[in-house]
Amino acid sequence: MERLAGLLTEDKKGNPSNYAMVTISEGASMIGGQIVEYGQEDAYGHRKLGGIGVVVSEAIKQLTGSHIIYQQLSYLMRSGAPDSLDLMVAFNYATMAMDLIAEGASGRMVALQGGTYTHIPIGTIMQGVKRVDVGELYDVDLYRPKVRHVLGKPMFLY
């Protein structure tokens, strides 16, 4: 937390508007801590993720003495108006799925692989461990994505 608080303080000082912002995944946890969940379990025994933002904002407030505004984005962020790329991908997925149905295919899933539309066996999602190349896509010292290093990468990170 001390490292994160220091980076936020540094960003705030370097910003002409005098603010800094951090986005935290609902499924994140403190090192050695538990994932924060709330609410009733669903039919599969899962509870809703969320609350780590409150924990982190309180810790940063204690460490820095700064005023913190906590905003849970969840549906606000996920429910924005679709842009042209969202619409294009959804339309193409729907068209491909209907073509598979017309062909009598089953057990298939439409997908993007390497930036190319395709369809794959639905069981593919359960095969192997999915990994993100953290060293390639993320600056672990500054807690920032490496958004400038996209040359040669597909349009869609998969």
N, C-alpha and C. Protein backbone atom coordinates (compact mmCIF):
# COMPACT_ATOMS: atom_id res chain seq x y z
N MET A 1 0.82 -1.19 0.00
CA MET A 1 0.00 0.00 0.00
C MET A 1 0.86 1.26 0.00
N GLU A 2 2.01 1.19 0.68
CA GLU A 2 2.88 2.36 0.73
C GLU A 2 3.36 2.72 -0.67
N ARG A 3 3.71 1.70 -1.47
CA ARG A 3 4.18 1.94 -2.84
C ARG A 3 3.08 2.57 -3.68
N LEU A 4 1.87 2.02 -3.61
CA LEU A 4 0.74 2.55 -4.37
C LEU A 4 0.42 3.98 -3.92
N ALA A 5 0.40 4.22 -2.63
CA ALA A 5 0.12 5.57 -2.11
C ALA A 5 1.17 6.56 -2.60
N GLY A 6 2.43 6.13 -2.63
CA GLY A 6 3.51 7.00 -3.13
C GLY A 6 3.35 7.33 -4.60
N LEU A 7 3.00 6.33 -5.40
CA LEU A 7 2.80 6.57 -6.83
C LEU A 7 1.62 7.51 -7.08
N LEU A 8 0.54 7.33 -6.33
CA LEU A 8 -0.62 8.21 -6.49
C LEU A 8 -0.29 9.64 -6.07
N THR A 9 0.45 9.79 -4.98
CA THR A 9 0.85 11.13 -4.52
C THR A 9 1.72 11.81 -5.57
N GLU A 10 2.65 11.04 -6.15
CA GLU A 10 3.53 11.57 -7.20
C GLU A 10 2.71 11.99 -8.43
N ASP A 11 1.77 11.15 -8.84
CA ASP A 11 0.91 11.49 -9.98
C ASP A 11 0.09 12.73 -9.71
N LYS A 12 -0.43 12.84 -8.51
CA LYS A 12 -1.26 13.99 -8.14
C LYS A 12 -0.45 15.28 -8.22
N LYS A 13 0.77 15.24 -7.72
CA LYS A 13 1.64 16.43 -7.74
C LYS A 13 1.99 16.82 -9.18
N GLY A 14 2.12 15.84 -10.07
CA GLY A 14 2.50 16.11 -11.45
C GLY A 14 1.33 16.44 -12.35
N ASN A 15 0.12 16.39 -11.84
CA ASN A 15 -1.07 16.66 -12.64
C ASN A 15 -1.52 18.10 -12.41
N PRO A 16 -1.65 18.89 -13.48
CA PRO A 16 -2.08 20.30 -13.31
C PRO A 16 -3.44 20.41 -12.60
N SER A 17 -4.27 19.40 -12.72
CA SER A 17 -5.58 19.43 -12.04
C SER A 17 -5.49 18.95 -10.60
N ASN A 18 -4.31 18.51 -10.17
CA ASN A 18 -4.06 18.09 -8.80
C ASN A 18 -4.93 16.91 -8.37
N TYR A 19 -4.99 15.90 -9.22
CA TYR A 19 -5.69 14.67 -8.84
C TYR A 19 -4.96 13.47 -9.43
N ALA A 20 -5.24 12.31 -8.89
CA ALA A 20 -4.74 11.05 -9.41
C ALA A 20 -5.87 10.05 -9.30
N MET A 21 -5.80 9.00 -10.10
CA MET A 21 -6.87 8.02 -10.11
C MET A 21 -6.27 6.62 -10.21
N VAL A 22 -6.94 5.68 -9.56
CA VAL A 22 -6.54 4.28 -9.65
C VAL A 22 -7.80 3.47 -9.92
N THR A 23 -7.66 2.45 -10.75
CA THR A 23 -8.75 1.53 -11.05
C THR A 23 -8.36 0.16 -10.51
N ILE A 24 -9.25 -0.45 -9.76
CA ILE A 24 -8.95 -1.72 -9.11
C ILE A 24 -9.99 -2.76 -9.52
N SER A 25 -9.54 -3.91 -9.92
CA SER A 25 -10.44 -4.99 -10.30
C SER A 25 -11.21 -5.49 -9.09
N GLU A 26 -12.48 -5.80 -9.29
CA GLU A 26 -13.31 -6.31 -8.20
C GLU A 26 -12.75 -7.62 -7.63
N GLY A 27 -12.02 -8.36 -8.44
CA GLY A 27 -11.47 -9.64 -7.99
C GLY A 27 -10.09 -9.55 -7.38
N ALA A 28 -9.58 -8.33 -7.22
CA ALA A 28 -8.24 -8.15 -6.64
C ALA A 28 -8.29 -8.38 -5.13
N SER A 29 -7.14 -8.66 -4.56
CA SER A 29 -7.03 -8.79 -3.11
C SER A 29 -5.69 -8.23 -2.67
N MET A 30 -5.60 -7.91 -1.41
CA MET A 30 -4.33 -7.47 -0.84
C MET A 30 -3.38 -8.67 -0.84
N ILE A 31 -2.09 -8.42 -0.87
CA ILE A 31 -1.13 -9.51 -0.84
C ILE A 31 -1.35 -10.31 0.44
N GLY A 32 -1.59 -11.59 0.27
CA GLY A 32 -1.85 -12.46 1.42
C GLY A 32 -3.27 -12.36 1.96
N GLY A 33 -4.09 -11.52 1.34
CA GLY A 33 -5.46 -11.34 1.81
C GLY A 33 -6.46 -12.14 1.01
N GLN A 34 -7.70 -11.99 1.38
CA GLN A 34 -8.80 -12.70 0.72
C GLN A 34 -9.48 -11.77 -0.28
N ILE A 35 -10.11 -12.35 -1.29
CA ILE A 35 -10.94 -11.59 -2.22
C ILE A 35 -12.16 -11.09 -1.44
N VAL A 36 -12.52 -9.84 -1.64
CA VAL A 36 -13.66 -9.25 -0.93
C VAL A 36 -14.93 -9.60 -1.70
N GLU A 37 -15.87 -10.21 -1.00
CA GLU A 37 -17.15 -10.61 -1.60
C GLU A 37 -18.28 -10.13 -0.71
N TYR A 38 -19.48 -10.08 -1.28
CA TYR A 38 -20.64 -9.68 -0.49
C TYR A 38 -21.89 -10.34 -1.06
N GLY A 39 -22.98 -10.26 -0.31
CA GLY A 39 -24.27 -10.76 -0.77
C GLY A 39 -24.46 -12.25 -0.61
N GLN A 40 -25.65 -12.69 -1.00
CA GLN A 40 -26.01 -14.11 -0.92
C GLN A 40 -25.29 -14.91 -2.01
N GLU A 41 -25.03 -16.18 -1.71
CA GLU A 41 -24.46 -17.07 -2.72
C GLU A 41 -25.51 -17.35 -3.79
N ASP A 42 -25.05 -17.48 -5.04
CA ASP A 42 -25.97 -17.85 -6.10
C ASP A 42 -26.12 -19.36 -6.14
N ALA A 43 -26.80 -19.88 -7.14
CA ALA A 43 -27.06 -21.32 -7.24
C ALA A 43 -25.77 -22.14 -7.34
N TYR A 44 -24.66 -21.50 -7.72
CA TYR A 44 -23.38 -22.20 -7.87
C TYR A 44 -22.45 -21.98 -6.69
N GLY A 45 -22.93 -21.29 -5.66
CA GLY A 45 -22.12 -21.05 -4.47
C GLY A 45 -21.23 -19.82 -4.56
N HIS A 46 -21.44 -18.97 -5.57
CA HIS A 46 -20.62 -17.77 -5.74
C HIS A 46 -21.31 -16.54 -5.15
N ARG A 47 -20.52 -15.70 -4.54
CA ARG A 47 -21.02 -14.41 -4.07
C ARG A 47 -20.49 -13.32 -4.99
N LYS A 48 -21.05 -12.13 -4.92
CA LYS A 48 -20.62 -11.02 -5.77
C LYS A 48 -19.25 -10.51 -5.31
N LEU A 49 -18.43 -10.18 -6.31
CA LEU A 49 -17.12 -9.59 -6.01
C LEU A 49 -17.29 -8.10 -5.80
N GLY A 50 -16.45 -7.54 -4.96
CA GLY A 50 -16.47 -6.09 -4.78
C GLY A 50 -16.19 -5.70 -3.35
N GLY A 51 -15.70 -4.50 -3.20
CA GLY A 51 -15.38 -3.98 -1.88
C GLY A 51 -13.91 -3.71 -1.68
N ILE A 52 -13.06 -4.26 -2.57
CA ILE A 52 -11.62 -4.02 -2.42
C ILE A 52 -11.31 -2.54 -2.61
N GLY A 53 -12.11 -1.84 -3.41
CA GLY A 53 -11.91 -0.40 -3.61
C GLY A 53 -12.06 0.39 -2.33
N VAL A 54 -13.02 0.01 -1.51
CA VAL A 54 -13.22 0.68 -0.22
C VAL A 54 -12.02 0.42 0.68
N VAL A 55 -11.56 -0.82 0.71
CA VAL A 55 -10.41 -1.18 1.54
C VAL A 55 -9.18 -0.38 1.12
N VAL A 56 -8.92 -0.33 -0.18
CA VAL A 56 -7.74 0.39 -0.69
C VAL A 56 -7.89 1.90 -0.47
N SER A 57 -9.07 2.45 -0.74
CA SER A 57 -9.23 3.90 -0.55
C SER A 57 -9.03 4.31 0.89
N GLU A 58 -9.52 3.51 1.84
CA GLU A 58 -9.32 3.82 3.26
C GLU A 58 -7.84 3.73 3.62
N ALA A 59 -7.14 2.73 3.10
CA ALA A 59 -5.71 2.58 3.39
C ALA A 59 -4.92 3.77 2.83
N ILE A 60 -5.23 4.19 1.60
CA ILE A 60 -4.53 5.33 1.00
C ILE A 60 -4.83 6.61 1.77
N LYS A 61 -6.05 6.77 2.20
CA LYS A 61 -6.44 7.94 2.99
C LYS A 61 -5.63 8.00 4.28
N GLN A 62 -5.47 6.85 4.95
CA GLN A 62 -4.70 6.81 6.19
C GLN A 62 -3.22 7.10 5.94
N LEU A 63 -2.69 6.58 4.84
CA LEU A 63 -1.26 6.76 4.56
C LEU A 63 -0.92 8.17 4.09
N THR A 64 -1.82 8.80 3.34
CA THR A 64 -1.49 10.09 2.73
C THR A 64 -2.20 11.28 3.36
N GLY A 65 -3.30 11.03 4.04
CA GLY A 65 -4.11 12.12 4.57
C GLY A 65 -4.89 12.86 3.50
N SER A 66 -4.84 12.34 2.28
CA SER A 66 -5.53 12.97 1.15
C SER A 66 -7.02 12.69 1.19
N HIS A 67 -7.77 13.60 0.57
CA HIS A 67 -9.21 13.37 0.38
C HIS A 67 -9.36 12.34 -0.73
N ILE A 68 -10.14 11.32 -0.48
CA ILE A 68 -10.34 10.23 -1.44
C ILE A 68 -11.80 10.18 -1.83
N ILE A 69 -12.04 10.05 -3.13
CA ILE A 69 -13.41 9.82 -3.61
C ILE A 69 -13.44 8.40 -4.15
N TYR A 70 -14.26 7.58 -3.55
CA TYR A 70 -14.41 6.19 -4.01
C TYR A 70 -15.64 6.11 -4.89
N GLN A 71 -15.49 5.57 -6.09
CA GLN A 71 -16.62 5.42 -7.01
C GLN A 71 -16.60 3.99 -7.54
N GLN A 72 -17.63 3.23 -7.25
CA GLN A 72 -17.73 1.88 -7.79
C GLN A 72 -18.30 1.98 -9.19
N LEU A 73 -17.48 1.66 -10.18
CA LEU A 73 -17.88 1.84 -11.57
C LEU A 73 -18.78 0.73 -12.08
N SER A 74 -18.51 -0.49 -11.72
CA SER A 74 -19.23 -1.69 -12.16
C SER A 74 -20.12 -1.47 -13.37
N TYR A 75 -21.40 -1.36 -13.17
CA TYR A 75 -22.32 -1.25 -14.30
C TYR A 75 -22.19 0.07 -15.02
N LEU A 76 -21.82 1.13 -14.30
CA LEU A 76 -21.60 2.42 -14.94
C LEU A 76 -20.57 2.28 -16.06
N MET A 77 -19.48 1.58 -15.77
CA MET A 77 -18.42 1.40 -16.75
C MET A 77 -18.82 0.41 -17.83
N ARG A 78 -19.47 -0.68 -17.46
CA ARG A 78 -19.78 -1.74 -18.41
C ARG A 78 -20.99 -1.45 -19.27
N SER A 79 -21.78 -0.47 -18.89
CA SER A 79 -23.03 -0.24 -19.60
C SER A 79 -23.03 1.02 -20.43
N GLY A 80 -21.87 1.48 -20.81
CA GLY A 80 -21.80 2.66 -21.65
C GLY A 80 -22.35 2.38 -23.03
N ALA A 81 -22.62 3.42 -23.78
CA ALA A 81 -23.12 3.27 -25.14
C ALA A 81 -22.06 2.57 -26.00
N PRO A 82 -22.46 1.59 -26.80
CA PRO A 82 -21.48 0.90 -27.64
C PRO A 82 -20.95 1.82 -28.73
N ASP A 83 -19.67 1.69 -29.02
CA ASP A 83 -19.11 2.46 -30.12
C ASP A 83 -19.18 1.62 -31.39
N SER A 84 -18.66 2.14 -32.48
CA SER A 84 -18.76 1.44 -33.76
C SER A 84 -18.05 0.09 -33.75
N LEU A 85 -16.94 -0.01 -33.03
CA LEU A 85 -16.23 -1.29 -32.95
C LEU A 85 -17.05 -2.32 -32.18
N ASP A 86 -17.65 -1.90 -31.06
CA ASP A 86 -18.52 -2.80 -30.30
C ASP A 86 -19.63 -3.34 -31.19
N LEU A 87 -20.26 -2.45 -31.94
CA LEU A 87 -21.38 -2.84 -32.80
C LEU A 87 -20.93 -3.77 -33.92
N MET A 88 -19.77 -3.48 -34.50
CA MET A 88 -19.26 -4.31 -35.59
C MET A 88 -18.96 -5.73 -35.11
N VAL A 89 -18.28 -5.84 -33.98
CA VAL A 89 -17.94 -7.16 -33.45
C VAL A 89 -19.21 -7.93 -33.08
N ALA A 90 -20.15 -7.28 -32.40
CA ALA A 90 -21.40 -7.95 -32.02
C ALA A 90 -22.17 -8.41 -33.25
N PHE A 91 -22.25 -7.57 -34.26
CA PHE A 91 -22.96 -7.93 -35.49
C PHE A 91 -22.29 -9.13 -36.16
N ASN A 92 -20.97 -9.09 -36.27
CA ASN A 92 -20.25 -10.20 -36.90
C ASN A 92 -20.37 -11.49 -36.10
N TYR A 93 -20.30 -11.41 -34.78
CA TYR A 93 -20.51 -12.60 -33.95
C TYR A 93 -21.90 -13.18 -34.19
N ALA A 94 -22.91 -12.32 -34.19
CA ALA A 94 -24.28 -12.79 -34.39
C ALA A 94 -24.44 -13.45 -35.76
N THR A 95 -23.89 -12.83 -36.79
CA THR A 95 -23.97 -13.39 -38.14
C THR A 95 -23.28 -14.75 -38.20
N MET A 96 -22.10 -14.83 -37.62
CA MET A 96 -21.36 -16.10 -37.63
C MET A 96 -22.12 -17.18 -36.86
N ALA A 97 -22.68 -16.82 -35.71
CA ALA A 97 -23.44 -17.79 -34.92
C ALA A 97 -24.65 -18.29 -35.70
N MET A 98 -25.35 -17.41 -36.39
CA MET A 98 -26.51 -17.81 -37.19
C MET A 98 -26.07 -18.71 -38.35
N ASP A 99 -24.93 -18.42 -38.95
CA ASP A 99 -24.40 -19.29 -40.02
C ASP A 99 -24.10 -20.69 -39.48
N LEU A 100 -23.54 -20.77 -38.28
CA LEU A 100 -23.25 -22.08 -37.67
C LEU A 100 -24.55 -22.85 -37.43
N ILE A 101 -25.58 -22.15 -36.95
CA ILE A 101 -26.87 -22.79 -36.72
C ILE A 101 -27.44 -23.29 -38.04
N ALA A 102 -27.37 -22.46 -39.08
CA ALA A 102 -27.90 -22.83 -40.40
C ALA A 102 -27.16 -24.05 -40.97
N GLU A 103 -25.88 -24.18 -40.65
CA GLU A 103 -25.07 -25.32 -41.11
C GLU A 103 -25.30 -26.56 -40.26
N GLY A 104 -26.04 -26.42 -39.17
CA GLY A 104 -26.28 -27.55 -38.27
C GLY A 104 -25.13 -27.84 -37.33
N ALA A 105 -24.20 -26.89 -37.22
CA ALA A 105 -23.05 -27.08 -36.33
C ALA A 105 -23.48 -26.85 -34.89
N SER A 106 -22.92 -27.61 -33.98
CA SER A 106 -23.18 -27.40 -32.55
C SER A 106 -21.87 -27.55 -31.80
N GLY A 107 -21.88 -27.08 -30.57
CA GLY A 107 -20.68 -27.17 -29.75
C GLY A 107 -19.57 -26.25 -30.22
N ARG A 108 -19.91 -25.19 -30.93
CA ARG A 108 -18.93 -24.24 -31.44
C ARG A 108 -19.14 -22.87 -30.79
N MET A 109 -18.10 -22.08 -30.75
CA MET A 109 -18.16 -20.74 -30.18
C MET A 109 -17.47 -19.79 -31.15
N VAL A 110 -18.11 -18.65 -31.44
CA VAL A 110 -17.45 -17.65 -32.28
C VAL A 110 -16.39 -16.96 -31.44
N ALA A 111 -15.31 -16.54 -32.10
CA ALA A 111 -14.18 -16.00 -31.35
C ALA A 111 -13.34 -15.10 -32.24
N LEU A 112 -12.47 -14.35 -31.61
CA LEU A 112 -11.40 -13.63 -32.29
C LEU A 112 -10.09 -14.27 -31.85
N GLN A 113 -9.30 -14.69 -32.81
CA GLN A 113 -7.99 -15.24 -32.49
C GLN A 113 -6.97 -14.53 -33.36
N GLY A 114 -6.01 -13.91 -32.72
CA GLY A 114 -4.99 -13.17 -33.46
C GLY A 114 -5.59 -12.04 -34.29
N GLY A 115 -6.72 -11.49 -33.82
CA GLY A 115 -7.37 -10.41 -34.53
C GLY A 115 -8.22 -10.87 -35.70
N THR A 116 -8.44 -12.18 -35.83
CA THR A 116 -9.22 -12.75 -36.94
C THR A 116 -10.45 -13.46 -36.40
N TYR A 117 -11.58 -13.24 -37.06
CA TYR A 117 -12.81 -13.93 -36.68
C TYR A 117 -12.69 -15.40 -37.03
N THR A 118 -13.17 -16.25 -36.13
CA THR A 118 -13.16 -17.69 -36.34
C THR A 118 -14.22 -18.32 -35.46
N HIS A 119 -14.34 -19.63 -35.52
CA HIS A 119 -15.16 -20.35 -34.53
C HIS A 119 -14.36 -21.55 -34.08
N ILE A 120 -14.53 -21.88 -32.82
CA ILE A 120 -13.72 -22.92 -32.18
C ILE A 120 -14.62 -23.83 -31.35
N PRO A 121 -14.14 -25.02 -31.01
CA PRO A 121 -14.93 -25.89 -30.13
C PRO A 121 -15.18 -25.20 -28.78
N ILE A 122 -16.39 -25.29 -28.28
CA ILE A 122 -16.75 -24.63 -27.02
C ILE A 122 -15.87 -25.12 -25.87
N GLY A 123 -15.41 -26.37 -25.94
CA GLY A 123 -14.54 -26.91 -24.89
C GLY A 123 -13.20 -26.22 -24.78
N THR A 124 -12.84 -25.43 -25.79
CA THR A 124 -11.56 -24.72 -25.78
C THR A 124 -11.42 -23.82 -24.55
N ILE A 125 -12.54 -23.25 -24.11
CA ILE A 125 -12.46 -22.32 -22.98
C ILE A 125 -12.02 -23.00 -21.70
N MET A 126 -12.16 -24.31 -21.62
CA MET A 126 -11.78 -25.04 -20.41
C MET A 126 -10.39 -25.66 -20.51
N GLN A 127 -9.74 -25.53 -21.65
CA GLN A 127 -8.44 -26.17 -21.85
C GLN A 127 -7.30 -25.27 -21.40
N GLY A 128 -6.43 -25.81 -20.61
CA GLY A 128 -5.21 -25.12 -20.23
C GLY A 128 -5.43 -23.89 -19.37
N VAL A 129 -4.34 -23.35 -18.94
CA VAL A 129 -4.34 -22.15 -18.10
C VAL A 129 -4.18 -20.95 -19.02
N LYS A 130 -5.00 -19.93 -18.81
CA LYS A 130 -4.90 -18.70 -19.59
C LYS A 130 -3.99 -17.74 -18.83
N ARG A 131 -3.03 -17.19 -19.53
CA ARG A 131 -2.07 -16.30 -18.89
C ARG A 131 -1.95 -14.99 -19.64
N VAL A 132 -1.67 -13.93 -18.91
CA VAL A 132 -1.36 -12.63 -19.48
C VAL A 132 0.14 -12.45 -19.35
N ASP A 133 0.80 -12.00 -20.41
CA ASP A 133 2.23 -11.74 -20.36
C ASP A 133 2.45 -10.43 -19.62
N VAL A 134 2.54 -10.51 -18.31
CA VAL A 134 2.64 -9.32 -17.46
C VAL A 134 3.86 -8.48 -17.82
N GLY A 135 4.99 -9.11 -18.02
CA GLY A 135 6.21 -8.37 -18.34
C GLY A 135 6.11 -7.60 -19.64
N GLU A 136 5.40 -8.15 -20.60
CA GLU A 136 5.24 -7.50 -21.91
C GLU A 136 4.20 -6.38 -21.90
N LEU A 137 3.13 -6.58 -21.16
CA LEU A 137 1.99 -5.67 -21.23
C LEU A 137 1.83 -4.76 -20.02
N TYR A 138 2.66 -4.93 -18.99
CA TYR A 138 2.43 -4.20 -17.75
C TYR A 138 3.74 -3.78 -17.12
N ASP A 139 3.83 -2.54 -16.67
CA ASP A 139 5.00 -2.03 -15.96
C ASP A 139 4.76 -2.24 -14.48
N VAL A 140 5.36 -3.28 -13.91
CA VAL A 140 5.09 -3.64 -12.52
C VAL A 140 5.66 -2.64 -11.53
N ASP A 141 6.69 -1.87 -11.92
CA ASP A 141 7.26 -0.89 -11.01
C ASP A 141 6.37 0.34 -10.86
N LEU A 142 5.71 0.73 -11.94
CA LEU A 142 4.85 1.92 -11.91
C LEU A 142 3.37 1.58 -11.84
N TYR A 143 3.04 0.29 -11.79
CA TYR A 143 1.63 -0.15 -11.74
C TYR A 143 0.84 0.43 -12.91
N ARG A 144 1.39 0.35 -14.11
CA ARG A 144 0.72 0.91 -15.28
C ARG A 144 0.81 -0.07 -16.45
N PRO A 145 -0.22 -0.07 -17.29
CA PRO A 145 -0.12 -0.87 -18.51
C PRO A 145 0.88 -0.23 -19.46
N LYS A 146 1.50 -1.05 -20.29
CA LYS A 146 2.43 -0.54 -21.31
C LYS A 146 1.63 -0.31 -22.59
N VAL A 147 0.83 0.73 -22.58
CA VAL A 147 -0.04 0.98 -23.72
C VAL A 147 0.71 1.51 -24.94
N ARG A 148 1.93 1.90 -24.78
CA ARG A 148 2.70 2.43 -25.91
C ARG A 148 3.38 1.32 -26.70
N HIS A 149 3.37 0.10 -26.18
CA HIS A 149 4.05 -0.99 -26.84
C HIS A 149 3.06 -1.90 -27.55
N VAL A 150 2.43 -1.37 -28.59
CA VAL A 150 1.42 -2.15 -29.30
C VAL A 150 1.85 -2.54 -30.71
N LEU A 151 2.99 -2.07 -31.18
CA LEU A 151 3.45 -2.41 -32.51
C LEU A 151 3.59 -3.93 -32.63
N GLY A 152 2.94 -4.47 -33.64
CA GLY A 152 3.00 -5.91 -33.87
C GLY A 152 1.99 -6.71 -33.07
N LYS A 153 1.20 -6.05 -32.24
CA LYS A 153 0.18 -6.73 -31.44
C LYS A 153 -1.13 -6.74 -32.21
N PRO A 154 -1.98 -7.74 -31.98
CA PRO A 154 -3.28 -7.74 -32.65
C PRO A 154 -4.16 -6.61 -32.11
N MET A 155 -5.16 -6.23 -32.90
CA MET A 155 -6.07 -5.17 -32.48
C MET A 155 -6.76 -5.53 -31.18
N PHE A 156 -7.11 -6.80 -31.03
CA PHE A 156 -7.78 -7.27 -29.83
C PHE A 156 -6.80 -8.11 -29.04
N LEU A 157 -6.54 -7.73 -27.78
CA LEU A 157 -5.68 -8.55 -26.94
C LEU A 157 -6.53 -9.71 -26.45
N TYR A 158 -6.08 -10.89 -26.69
CA TYR A 158 -6.87 -12.09 -26.35
C TYR A 158 -6.13 -12.94 -25.38
